[in-house]
N, C-alpha and C. Protein backbone atom coordinates (compact mmCIF):
# COMPACT_ATOMS: atom_id res chain seq x y z
N MET A 1 -183.30 -119.60 122.77
CA MET A 1 -182.55 -120.19 124.01
C MET A 1 -182.69 -119.17 125.08
N SER A 2 -182.89 -119.79 125.94
CA SER A 2 -183.12 -118.59 127.27
C SER A 2 -181.76 -118.67 128.09
N ARG A 3 -181.35 -117.60 128.90
CA ARG A 3 -180.18 -117.14 129.06
C ARG A 3 -180.36 -117.57 130.79
N PRO A 4 -179.55 -118.29 131.83
CA PRO A 4 -179.83 -118.75 133.00
C PRO A 4 -180.14 -117.27 133.67
N GLU A 5 -181.07 -117.41 134.85
CA GLU A 5 -181.27 -116.09 135.77
C GLU A 5 -180.31 -115.47 136.01
N GLU A 6 -178.86 -116.18 136.66
CA GLU A 6 -177.82 -115.35 137.01
C GLU A 6 -177.29 -114.69 136.13
N ASP A 7 -177.23 -114.91 134.78
CA ASP A 7 -176.44 -113.83 133.78
C ASP A 7 -177.64 -112.59 133.53
N VAL A 8 -178.89 -112.84 133.62
CA VAL A 8 -179.89 -111.58 133.35
C VAL A 8 -179.40 -110.38 134.19
N VAL A 9 -179.60 -109.12 133.62
CA VAL A 9 -179.14 -108.19 134.34
C VAL A 9 -180.33 -107.20 134.40
N ALA A 10 -180.81 -106.64 135.39
CA ALA A 10 -182.15 -105.99 135.69
C ALA A 10 -181.98 -104.55 135.21
N GLU A 11 -182.80 -104.55 134.14
CA GLU A 11 -182.46 -103.22 133.82
C GLU A 11 -184.08 -102.20 133.79
N SER A 12 -183.54 -101.27 133.94
CA SER A 12 -184.59 -99.79 134.47
C SER A 12 -184.82 -98.99 133.39
N ASP A 13 -186.04 -98.73 133.28
CA ASP A 13 -186.44 -97.46 132.23
C ASP A 13 -186.34 -96.44 132.55
N ASP A 14 -185.75 -95.88 133.47
CA ASP A 14 -185.14 -94.50 133.93
C ASP A 14 -183.53 -94.44 133.84
N PRO A 15 -183.65 -93.34 133.08
CA PRO A 15 -182.03 -93.40 132.76
C PRO A 15 -181.09 -92.58 133.57
N THR A 16 -181.89 -92.02 134.58
CA THR A 16 -181.25 -91.17 135.61
C THR A 16 -181.06 -92.52 136.76
N PRO A 17 -179.68 -92.06 137.56
CA PRO A 17 -179.52 -93.08 138.66
C PRO A 17 -180.07 -92.36 139.78
N ALA A 18 -180.77 -93.28 140.70
CA ALA A 18 -181.19 -93.12 141.86
C ALA A 18 -180.40 -92.37 142.71
N ALA A 19 -180.62 -91.54 143.43
CA ALA A 19 -179.92 -90.78 144.43
C ALA A 19 -179.42 -91.66 145.44
N GLU A 20 -178.29 -91.47 145.45
CA GLU A 20 -177.71 -92.19 147.18
C GLU A 20 -177.76 -91.29 148.13
N PRO A 21 -178.07 -92.35 149.15
CA PRO A 21 -178.25 -91.32 150.24
C PRO A 21 -176.82 -90.62 150.94
N ALA A 22 -177.07 -89.53 151.39
CA ALA A 22 -175.61 -89.22 152.03
C ALA A 22 -175.20 -89.98 153.29
N GLU A 23 -174.13 -89.12 154.02
CA GLU A 23 -173.66 -89.89 155.17
C GLU A 23 -174.65 -89.87 156.50
N ASP A 24 -175.36 -88.79 156.43
CA ASP A 24 -176.39 -88.67 157.06
C ASP A 24 -178.03 -89.09 157.14
N GLY A 25 -177.99 -89.95 155.87
CA GLY A 25 -179.03 -90.38 155.46
C GLY A 25 -179.92 -89.82 154.55
N ALA A 26 -179.77 -88.47 154.37
CA ALA A 26 -180.73 -87.96 153.23
C ALA A 26 -180.45 -87.97 151.94
N PRO A 27 -181.48 -88.00 151.03
CA PRO A 27 -180.80 -88.12 149.51
C PRO A 27 -179.73 -86.87 149.38
N GLN A 28 -179.04 -87.16 148.31
CA GLN A 28 -178.04 -86.14 147.78
C GLN A 28 -179.02 -85.32 146.48
N SER A 29 -178.62 -84.44 146.36
CA SER A 29 -179.51 -83.61 145.21
C SER A 29 -179.18 -83.57 143.90
N GLY A 30 -177.95 -84.03 143.56
CA GLY A 30 -177.30 -84.38 142.41
C GLY A 30 -176.56 -83.25 141.73
N LEU A 31 -176.81 -82.08 142.52
CA LEU A 31 -175.86 -80.76 142.20
C LEU A 31 -174.73 -81.02 142.66
N LYS A 32 -173.57 -80.07 142.03
CA LYS A 32 -172.48 -80.14 142.45
C LYS A 32 -172.03 -79.04 143.25
N ASN A 33 -173.04 -77.98 143.38
CA ASN A 33 -172.47 -77.43 144.76
C ASN A 33 -173.90 -76.95 145.34
N PRO A 34 -174.80 -77.37 146.12
CA PRO A 34 -175.92 -77.15 146.25
C PRO A 34 -176.24 -75.94 147.12
N GLY A 35 -175.24 -75.58 147.94
CA GLY A 35 -175.34 -74.33 148.39
C GLY A 35 -175.26 -73.15 147.77
N ALA A 36 -174.28 -73.33 146.84
CA ALA A 36 -174.14 -72.13 145.84
C ALA A 36 -175.26 -71.94 144.89
N ALA A 37 -176.05 -73.10 144.56
CA ALA A 37 -177.38 -73.02 143.93
C ALA A 37 -178.64 -72.71 144.50
N VAL A 38 -178.43 -73.03 145.74
CA VAL A 38 -179.93 -72.33 146.60
C VAL A 38 -179.29 -70.74 146.70
N ARG A 39 -178.29 -70.32 147.03
CA ARG A 39 -178.07 -69.30 147.34
C ARG A 39 -178.09 -68.24 146.00
N GLY A 40 -178.01 -69.04 144.72
CA GLY A 40 -178.10 -68.13 143.38
C GLY A 40 -180.02 -67.94 143.49
N VAL A 41 -180.90 -68.90 143.78
CA VAL A 41 -182.21 -68.84 143.90
C VAL A 41 -182.54 -67.59 144.68
N GLY A 42 -182.07 -67.59 145.76
CA GLY A 42 -182.18 -66.55 146.93
C GLY A 42 -182.09 -65.37 146.21
N ALA A 43 -180.44 -65.02 146.04
CA ALA A 43 -180.30 -63.98 145.36
C ALA A 43 -181.14 -63.29 144.19
N ALA A 44 -181.13 -64.22 143.31
CA ALA A 44 -182.29 -63.65 142.10
C ALA A 44 -183.59 -63.10 142.74
N VAL A 45 -184.04 -63.90 143.73
CA VAL A 45 -185.55 -63.41 144.06
C VAL A 45 -185.18 -62.11 144.80
N LEU A 46 -184.19 -62.10 145.57
CA LEU A 46 -183.88 -60.44 146.02
C LEU A 46 -183.55 -59.64 145.06
N VAL A 47 -182.89 -59.63 144.31
CA VAL A 47 -182.22 -58.58 142.94
C VAL A 47 -183.87 -58.45 142.09
N LEU A 48 -184.56 -59.18 141.93
CA LEU A 48 -186.17 -59.04 141.11
C LEU A 48 -186.71 -58.18 142.15
N GLU A 49 -186.84 -58.87 143.57
CA GLU A 49 -187.78 -57.83 144.44
C GLU A 49 -187.14 -56.66 144.71
N SER A 50 -185.85 -55.92 144.26
CA SER A 50 -185.17 -54.82 144.63
C SER A 50 -185.64 -53.87 143.32
N LEU A 51 -185.67 -54.71 142.09
CA LEU A 51 -186.40 -54.25 140.91
C LEU A 51 -187.57 -53.47 140.60
N VAL A 52 -188.68 -54.48 141.14
CA VAL A 52 -190.13 -54.21 141.33
C VAL A 52 -189.90 -53.18 142.25
N LEU A 53 -189.32 -52.94 143.73
CA LEU A 53 -189.15 -51.80 144.35
C LEU A 53 -189.04 -50.34 143.69
N LEU A 54 -187.86 -50.76 142.82
CA LEU A 54 -187.48 -49.44 142.18
C LEU A 54 -188.51 -48.99 141.37
N LEU A 55 -189.25 -49.88 140.20
CA LEU A 55 -190.09 -49.56 139.67
C LEU A 55 -191.47 -49.22 140.19
N ALA A 56 -191.41 -49.12 141.65
CA ALA A 56 -193.03 -48.58 142.41
C ALA A 56 -192.48 -47.30 142.71
N ILE A 57 -191.23 -46.61 142.90
CA ILE A 57 -191.30 -45.19 143.36
C ILE A 57 -192.24 -44.39 142.20
N GLN A 58 -192.16 -44.42 140.84
CA GLN A 58 -192.85 -43.63 140.24
C GLN A 58 -194.38 -43.41 140.50
N PRO A 59 -195.01 -44.79 140.45
CA PRO A 59 -196.54 -45.04 141.02
C PRO A 59 -196.60 -44.42 142.46
N LEU A 60 -195.72 -44.64 143.17
CA LEU A 60 -195.70 -43.94 144.64
C LEU A 60 -195.91 -42.35 144.70
N ARG A 61 -194.80 -41.86 143.81
CA ARG A 61 -195.01 -40.49 143.79
C ARG A 61 -196.38 -39.86 143.17
N THR A 62 -196.62 -40.59 142.26
CA THR A 62 -197.92 -40.11 141.64
C THR A 62 -199.28 -40.28 142.75
N LEU A 63 -199.18 -41.27 143.18
CA LEU A 63 -200.25 -41.58 144.30
C LEU A 63 -200.38 -41.17 145.59
N LEU A 64 -198.86 -40.78 145.92
CA LEU A 64 -199.00 -39.91 147.22
C LEU A 64 -198.06 -38.84 147.07
N PRO A 65 -198.68 -37.94 146.35
CA PRO A 65 -197.97 -36.45 146.20
C PRO A 65 -197.46 -35.68 147.37
N ASP A 66 -198.22 -35.57 148.44
CA ASP A 66 -197.74 -34.86 149.43
C ASP A 66 -196.64 -35.70 150.51
N ALA A 67 -196.51 -36.80 150.34
CA ALA A 67 -195.50 -37.52 150.85
C ALA A 67 -194.49 -38.39 149.82
N SER A 68 -194.37 -37.65 148.61
CA SER A 68 -193.97 -38.69 147.61
C SER A 68 -192.19 -38.67 147.90
N GLY A 69 -191.65 -37.59 148.98
CA GLY A 69 -190.13 -37.80 149.01
C GLY A 69 -189.71 -39.19 150.04
N ALA A 70 -190.90 -39.30 150.95
CA ALA A 70 -190.45 -40.00 152.21
C ALA A 70 -191.06 -41.49 151.36
N ALA A 71 -191.87 -41.53 150.36
CA ALA A 71 -192.30 -42.62 149.73
C ALA A 71 -191.21 -43.28 148.89
N THR A 72 -190.79 -42.24 148.24
CA THR A 72 -189.41 -42.62 147.43
C THR A 72 -188.33 -43.09 148.11
N ALA A 73 -188.03 -42.49 149.47
CA ALA A 73 -186.57 -43.08 150.50
C ALA A 73 -187.19 -44.05 150.96
N LEU A 74 -188.31 -44.62 151.20
CA LEU A 74 -188.61 -46.01 151.67
C LEU A 74 -188.51 -47.05 150.50
N ALA A 75 -188.75 -46.79 149.36
CA ALA A 75 -188.63 -47.68 148.53
C ALA A 75 -187.52 -48.00 147.98
N LEU A 76 -186.65 -46.69 147.81
CA LEU A 76 -185.14 -46.86 147.48
C LEU A 76 -184.29 -47.54 148.69
N GLY A 77 -184.66 -47.45 149.89
CA GLY A 77 -184.13 -47.90 150.65
C GLY A 77 -184.43 -49.42 150.97
N LEU A 78 -185.50 -49.87 150.73
CA LEU A 78 -185.51 -51.27 150.66
C LEU A 78 -185.09 -52.13 149.71
N ALA A 79 -185.08 -51.53 148.39
CA ALA A 79 -184.44 -51.94 147.54
C ALA A 79 -183.08 -52.19 147.42
N VAL A 80 -182.33 -51.11 148.38
CA VAL A 80 -180.66 -51.16 149.18
C VAL A 80 -180.87 -52.30 149.73
N LEU A 81 -181.53 -52.37 150.48
CA LEU A 81 -181.54 -53.49 151.44
C LEU A 81 -181.65 -54.50 151.13
N CYS A 82 -182.46 -54.90 149.87
CA CYS A 82 -182.84 -56.59 149.11
C CYS A 82 -181.36 -56.51 148.58
N LEU A 83 -180.76 -55.79 147.93
CA LEU A 83 -179.51 -55.93 147.14
C LEU A 83 -178.18 -56.17 148.13
N GLY A 84 -178.41 -55.74 149.14
CA GLY A 84 -177.44 -55.94 150.32
C GLY A 84 -177.28 -57.33 150.97
N ALA A 85 -178.78 -57.84 150.99
CA ALA A 85 -178.69 -58.92 151.63
C ALA A 85 -178.57 -60.13 150.68
N ALA A 86 -178.90 -59.81 149.29
CA ALA A 86 -178.41 -60.58 148.15
C ALA A 86 -176.98 -61.33 148.61
N GLY A 87 -176.38 -60.20 148.63
CA GLY A 87 -174.61 -60.47 148.77
C GLY A 87 -174.36 -61.11 149.62
N LEU A 88 -175.27 -61.35 150.99
CA LEU A 88 -175.03 -61.75 152.32
C LEU A 88 -175.57 -63.41 152.34
N LEU A 89 -176.01 -63.53 151.66
CA LEU A 89 -176.80 -65.17 151.60
C LEU A 89 -175.60 -66.41 152.04
N ARG A 90 -174.36 -66.08 152.07
CA ARG A 90 -173.24 -66.75 152.11
C ARG A 90 -173.37 -67.06 153.83
N ARG A 91 -173.81 -66.27 154.75
CA ARG A 91 -173.68 -66.20 155.83
C ARG A 91 -175.19 -66.90 156.48
N GLY A 92 -175.14 -67.93 157.42
CA GLY A 92 -176.59 -68.37 157.41
C GLY A 92 -177.61 -67.50 158.23
N TRP A 93 -176.98 -66.46 159.11
CA TRP A 93 -177.71 -65.74 160.00
C TRP A 93 -178.62 -64.89 158.75
N ALA A 94 -178.09 -64.49 157.32
CA ALA A 94 -178.58 -63.62 156.59
C ALA A 94 -180.03 -64.32 156.11
N TRP A 95 -180.13 -65.51 155.92
CA TRP A 95 -181.52 -66.03 155.49
C TRP A 95 -182.70 -65.48 156.46
N ASN A 96 -182.68 -65.81 157.85
CA ASN A 96 -183.18 -65.02 158.94
C ASN A 96 -183.79 -63.60 158.65
N ALA A 97 -182.63 -63.36 158.35
CA ALA A 97 -182.54 -61.36 158.20
C ALA A 97 -183.55 -60.94 157.21
N VAL A 98 -183.59 -61.81 156.08
CA VAL A 98 -184.39 -61.42 154.72
C VAL A 98 -185.64 -61.97 155.13
N THR A 99 -185.89 -63.13 155.93
CA THR A 99 -187.26 -63.18 156.24
C THR A 99 -187.78 -62.26 157.01
N VAL A 100 -187.09 -61.14 157.71
CA VAL A 100 -187.57 -60.48 158.64
C VAL A 100 -187.70 -59.07 157.43
N LEU A 101 -187.05 -59.05 156.78
CA LEU A 101 -187.27 -57.96 155.85
C LEU A 101 -188.08 -57.96 155.16
N GLN A 102 -188.82 -59.23 154.76
CA GLN A 102 -189.74 -59.36 154.03
C GLN A 102 -190.90 -59.34 154.96
N ILE A 103 -191.35 -59.18 156.07
CA ILE A 103 -192.07 -58.83 157.01
C ILE A 103 -192.33 -57.09 157.07
N VAL A 104 -190.94 -56.70 157.00
CA VAL A 104 -190.91 -55.48 157.15
C VAL A 104 -191.78 -54.59 156.01
N ILE A 105 -190.90 -55.52 154.73
CA ILE A 105 -191.65 -54.69 153.17
C ILE A 105 -193.15 -54.85 153.24
N VAL A 106 -194.08 -56.21 153.87
CA VAL A 106 -195.29 -56.24 153.84
C VAL A 106 -195.95 -54.90 154.94
N ALA A 107 -195.05 -54.83 156.22
CA ALA A 107 -195.67 -53.89 157.12
C ALA A 107 -195.54 -52.38 156.44
N THR A 108 -195.08 -52.44 155.28
CA THR A 108 -195.07 -50.96 154.67
C THR A 108 -196.43 -50.65 153.79
N GLY A 109 -196.89 -51.72 154.00
CA GLY A 109 -198.38 -51.72 153.59
C GLY A 109 -199.29 -50.55 154.18
N VAL A 110 -198.88 -50.11 155.33
CA VAL A 110 -199.47 -48.94 156.23
C VAL A 110 -199.23 -47.94 155.25
N ILE A 111 -198.09 -47.38 154.64
CA ILE A 111 -197.78 -46.34 153.86
C ILE A 111 -198.69 -46.31 152.69
N HIS A 112 -198.79 -47.36 152.21
CA HIS A 112 -199.38 -47.35 150.88
C HIS A 112 -199.81 -48.98 150.39
N TRP A 113 -201.07 -49.49 150.43
CA TRP A 113 -201.30 -50.60 150.12
C TRP A 113 -200.30 -51.68 148.93
N MET A 114 -200.09 -50.78 148.08
CA MET A 114 -199.25 -51.14 146.77
C MET A 114 -198.06 -51.68 147.63
N LEU A 115 -197.29 -51.35 148.47
CA LEU A 115 -196.11 -51.91 148.97
C LEU A 115 -196.44 -53.02 149.81
N GLY A 116 -197.58 -53.15 150.31
CA GLY A 116 -197.77 -54.17 151.33
C GLY A 116 -198.24 -55.46 150.66
N VAL A 117 -198.84 -55.11 148.91
CA VAL A 117 -198.84 -56.35 148.26
C VAL A 117 -197.84 -56.79 147.38
N VAL A 118 -196.59 -55.73 147.26
CA VAL A 118 -195.61 -56.28 146.68
C VAL A 118 -194.61 -56.79 147.74
N GLY A 119 -195.00 -56.81 148.99
CA GLY A 119 -194.54 -57.46 150.02
C GLY A 119 -194.84 -58.75 150.62
N GLY A 120 -196.09 -58.89 150.38
CA GLY A 120 -197.06 -60.24 150.51
C GLY A 120 -196.71 -61.15 149.65
N ILE A 121 -196.63 -60.71 148.11
CA ILE A 121 -195.91 -61.82 146.97
C ILE A 121 -194.91 -62.37 147.23
N PHE A 122 -193.68 -61.29 147.99
CA PHE A 122 -192.43 -61.50 147.75
C PHE A 122 -192.14 -62.43 148.99
N LEU A 123 -192.81 -62.40 150.04
CA LEU A 123 -192.99 -63.14 151.32
C LEU A 123 -193.11 -64.43 151.03
N LEU A 124 -194.34 -64.82 150.11
CA LEU A 124 -194.82 -65.85 149.76
C LEU A 124 -193.40 -66.58 149.01
N VAL A 125 -193.03 -65.77 147.70
CA VAL A 125 -192.04 -66.52 146.92
C VAL A 125 -190.68 -66.77 148.10
N TRP A 126 -190.22 -65.96 149.27
CA TRP A 126 -189.27 -66.29 150.03
C TRP A 126 -189.30 -67.33 150.56
N ILE A 127 -190.91 -67.36 151.29
CA ILE A 127 -191.18 -68.77 152.01
C ILE A 127 -190.77 -70.26 150.97
N TYR A 128 -190.85 -70.27 149.65
CA TYR A 128 -190.96 -71.05 148.79
C TYR A 128 -189.29 -71.24 148.76
N VAL A 129 -188.79 -70.38 148.45
CA VAL A 129 -186.99 -70.11 148.65
C VAL A 129 -186.68 -71.03 149.55
N LEU A 130 -187.40 -70.77 150.86
CA LEU A 130 -186.46 -71.28 152.06
C LEU A 130 -187.12 -73.21 152.35
N ASN A 131 -188.22 -73.36 151.72
CA ASN A 131 -188.61 -74.45 151.47
C ASN A 131 -187.67 -75.55 150.52
N VAL A 132 -187.53 -74.64 149.43
CA VAL A 132 -186.45 -75.13 147.87
C VAL A 132 -185.16 -75.45 148.92
N ARG A 133 -184.59 -74.41 149.93
CA ARG A 133 -183.50 -74.71 150.50
C ARG A 133 -183.41 -75.93 151.43
N LYS A 134 -184.33 -75.86 152.04
CA LYS A 134 -184.60 -77.24 153.30
C LYS A 134 -184.45 -78.43 152.36
N THR A 135 -185.23 -78.25 151.63
CA THR A 135 -185.31 -79.92 150.49
C THR A 135 -183.88 -79.92 150.02
N ILE A 136 -183.21 -79.22 149.45
CA ILE A 136 -181.83 -79.32 148.72
C ILE A 136 -180.75 -79.74 150.03
N LEU A 137 -180.76 -78.90 150.77
CA LEU A 137 -179.62 -78.76 151.83
C LEU A 137 -179.90 -79.57 152.97
N GLY A 138 -181.02 -79.74 153.30
CA GLY A 138 -181.66 -80.33 154.47
C GLY A 138 -180.95 -79.68 155.60
N ASN A 139 -180.36 -80.81 156.46
CA ASN A 139 -179.74 -79.85 157.79
C ASN A 139 -178.22 -79.69 157.82
N ARG A 140 -177.87 -79.94 156.35
CA ARG A 140 -176.46 -79.81 156.48
C ARG A 140 -175.99 -78.14 155.97
N PRO A 141 -174.53 -78.09 156.51
CA PRO A 141 -174.36 -76.40 156.29
C PRO A 141 -174.15 -76.15 154.95
N GLN A 142 -174.17 -74.93 154.76
CA GLN A 142 -173.91 -74.39 153.21
C GLN A 142 -172.43 -74.53 153.03
């Protein structure tokens, strides 16, 4: 027996519901608190970067024996700035400040190429984090 077409319900193979568009027309991310999720990703990247900078102190001291004090202070200062910036990501201006901080870390490559490489890698990661932020949040405020 066949059912009338009116009674047939369209079934989808995809168990996840489609993202409903938000009031501004952009699809919702499906996260309960997308702003906090994006801040968490950004903070995780900055904490990881600060750990890498702290781990770079000993190789800098070995490779730059004449300037080991200055190189240590530089790496320690940049690590502290990364940790401080991780705590400020609730503020909108902090995202731009971290981008500038990444560029400064790349510029420290003039002290030693190793710092420039670390800065370049984390600059690329930060650009990806900014892309994720834009994708999830769009133009909405955090």
